[in-house]
């Protein structure tokens, strides 16, 4: 039950941030926080990571749902250390956060725009998925082979 509460809290954080982006950024487009380095930019992403596979919402819904089911299975049925559990919680939270957008809006709301690094705009759910995936890779490389 604790894992579910953490996941719900992270999803809530993601959804609140997206609500704020829709409310305050949708009409403006972009607000420079640090000019030409970091902006808050409203984007409606109908694709996957980096805008790939535009307008394939059904595929994204199915893949995210399957990932969440497997993640919950591993979280509750497999022996994982804190790193492994954290990784899966982050991945599930991010996947569900973006899944909610896809089902409710037909697109994912993105708003973090680090222009100095790349041309892609992302959101908190994306951060959860990427951080969780990195942690999961570390877990698999350093801990899974020891069993």
Protein backbone atom coordinates (compact mmCIF):
# COMPACT_ATOMS: atom_id res chain seq x y z
CA UNK A 1 0.00 0.00 0.00
CA UNK A 2 2.90 2.36 0.73
CA UNK A 3 4.16 2.01 -2.84
CA UNK A 4 0.74 2.94 -4.21
CA UNK A 5 0.60 6.05 -2.02
CA UNK A 6 4.05 7.15 -3.18
CA UNK A 7 3.07 6.54 -6.81
CA UNK A 8 -0.16 8.50 -6.34
CA UNK A 9 1.77 11.38 -4.73
CA UNK A 10 4.24 11.53 -7.63
CA UNK A 11 1.41 11.36 -10.18
CA UNK A 12 -0.31 14.18 -8.28
CA UNK A 13 2.84 16.31 -8.45
CA UNK A 14 3.05 15.69 -12.19
CA UNK A 15 -0.61 16.46 -12.82
CA UNK A 16 -0.55 19.65 -10.73
CA UNK A 17 2.49 20.89 -12.65
CA UNK A 18 0.73 20.17 -15.96
CA UNK A 19 -2.44 21.92 -14.78
CA UNK A 20 -0.35 25.00 -13.96
CA UNK A 21 1.35 24.79 -17.38
CA UNK A 22 -2.02 24.63 -19.14
CA UNK A 23 -3.47 27.45 -17.06
CA UNK A 24 -0.54 29.87 -17.26
CA UNK A 25 1.55 28.88 -20.29
CA UNK A 26 -0.94 27.70 -22.92
CA UNK A 27 -1.90 31.23 -23.92
CA UNK A 28 1.60 32.65 -23.65
CA UNK A 29 3.69 29.94 -25.27
CA UNK A 30 7.04 30.50 -23.57
CA UNK A 31 8.46 32.36 -20.59
CA UNK A 32 12.24 32.78 -20.39
CA UNK A 33 13.54 31.97 -16.92
CA UNK A 34 17.19 32.27 -18.01
CA UNK A 35 17.17 33.75 -21.51
CA UNK A 36 18.31 31.29 -24.20
CA UNK A 37 19.15 28.70 -21.54
CA UNK A 38 15.99 27.67 -19.67
CA UNK A 39 12.42 28.57 -20.58
CA UNK A 40 9.01 27.36 -19.54
CA UNK A 41 7.43 26.53 -22.90
CA UNK A 42 3.97 25.07 -23.43
CA UNK A 43 3.99 22.14 -25.87
CA UNK A 44 1.27 19.63 -26.71
CA UNK A 45 3.25 16.46 -27.45
CA UNK A 46 1.25 13.94 -29.47
CA UNK A 47 4.26 11.64 -29.84
CA UNK A 48 6.61 9.70 -27.63
CA UNK A 49 10.04 10.72 -26.39
CA UNK A 50 11.39 13.68 -28.37
CA UNK A 51 8.11 13.89 -30.30
CA UNK A 52 8.65 10.61 -32.20
CA UNK A 53 5.71 8.58 -33.52
CA UNK A 54 3.23 11.47 -33.59
CA UNK A 55 -0.50 10.71 -33.20
CA UNK A 56 -0.19 7.05 -32.17
CA UNK A 57 -2.03 7.43 -28.86
CA UNK A 58 -3.39 3.85 -28.77
CA UNK A 59 0.12 2.39 -28.99
CA UNK A 60 1.34 4.66 -26.17
CA UNK A 61 -1.64 3.79 -23.97
CA UNK A 62 -1.10 0.06 -24.47
CA UNK A 63 2.67 0.20 -23.90
CA UNK A 64 2.33 2.39 -20.78
CA UNK A 65 -0.38 0.12 -19.38
CA UNK A 66 1.72 -3.00 -19.90
CA UNK A 67 4.78 -1.31 -18.36
CA UNK A 68 2.75 -0.33 -15.29
CA UNK A 69 1.34 -3.85 -14.87
CA UNK A 70 4.81 -5.42 -15.08
CA UNK A 71 6.21 -2.72 -12.80
CA UNK A 72 3.58 -3.37 -10.13
CA UNK A 73 4.18 -7.11 -10.41
CA UNK A 74 7.91 -6.64 -9.84
CA UNK A 75 7.32 -4.16 -7.05
CA UNK A 76 5.10 -6.53 -5.08
CA UNK A 77 6.26 -10.01 -6.11
CA UNK A 78 10.03 -9.78 -6.57
CA UNK A 79 12.78 -9.19 -4.06
CA UNK A 80 14.19 -5.75 -4.84
CA UNK A 81 16.41 -3.49 -2.82
CA UNK A 82 15.56 0.18 -2.27
CA UNK A 83 17.26 1.19 -5.53
CA UNK A 84 15.20 -1.29 -7.56
CA UNK A 85 11.96 -0.27 -5.85
CA UNK A 86 12.68 3.43 -6.34
CA UNK A 87 13.41 2.86 -10.03
CA UNK A 88 10.15 1.02 -10.62
CA UNK A 89 8.11 3.53 -8.60
CA UNK A 90 9.51 6.39 -10.69
CA UNK A 91 8.89 4.61 -13.98
CA UNK A 92 5.31 3.70 -13.06
CA UNK A 93 4.58 7.22 -11.79
CA UNK A 94 5.90 8.85 -14.94
CA UNK A 95 4.17 6.39 -17.25
CA UNK A 96 0.82 6.90 -15.53
CA UNK A 97 1.27 10.68 -15.40
CA UNK A 98 1.72 10.84 -19.17
CA UNK A 99 -0.94 8.16 -19.70
CA UNK A 100 -3.49 10.35 -17.90
CA UNK A 101 -2.68 13.20 -20.30
CA UNK A 102 -2.98 10.97 -23.36
CA UNK A 103 -6.37 9.63 -22.29
CA UNK A 104 -7.77 12.91 -20.94
CA UNK A 105 -6.31 15.40 -23.43
CA UNK A 106 -5.14 13.36 -26.42
CA UNK A 107 -1.58 14.67 -25.93
CA UNK A 108 1.05 15.06 -23.22
CA UNK A 109 1.69 18.50 -21.76
CA UNK A 110 5.40 19.41 -21.81
CA UNK A 111 6.91 22.62 -20.42
CA UNK A 112 10.57 22.31 -19.33
CA UNK A 113 12.67 23.79 -22.13
CA UNK A 114 16.45 23.63 -21.54
CA UNK A 115 17.50 25.32 -24.78
CA UNK A 116 21.19 25.24 -23.97
CA UNK A 117 21.15 21.42 -23.88
CA UNK A 118 18.75 20.37 -26.68
CA UNK A 119 15.63 21.32 -28.60
CA UNK A 120 13.21 19.06 -26.72
CA UNK A 121 10.63 20.12 -24.17
CA UNK A 122 9.66 17.70 -21.38
CA UNK A 123 7.74 17.42 -18.09
CA UNK A 124 8.05 15.98 -14.59
CA UNK A 125 6.67 12.59 -15.66
CA UNK A 126 9.43 12.38 -18.26
CA UNK A 127 12.00 13.12 -15.56
CA UNK A 128 10.53 10.30 -13.45
CA UNK A 129 10.71 7.82 -16.36
CA UNK A 130 14.28 8.75 -17.34
CA UNK A 131 15.59 8.83 -13.77
CA UNK A 132 13.79 5.55 -13.01
CA UNK A 133 15.23 3.91 -16.11
CA UNK A 134 18.76 5.02 -15.22
CA UNK A 135 18.32 3.71 -11.67
CA UNK A 136 16.88 0.45 -13.00
CA UNK A 137 19.90 -0.01 -15.28
CA UNK A 138 22.21 0.58 -12.32
CA UNK A 139 20.19 -1.90 -10.27
CA UNK A 140 20.33 -4.56 -13.00
CA UNK A 141 24.06 -4.09 -13.65
CA UNK A 142 25.20 -4.02 -10.03
CA UNK A 143 22.61 -5.98 -8.06
CA UNK A 144 20.54 -8.29 -10.24
CA UNK A 145 23.51 -10.43 -11.37
CA UNK A 146 24.47 -11.10 -7.73
CA UNK A 147 21.36 -13.24 -7.19
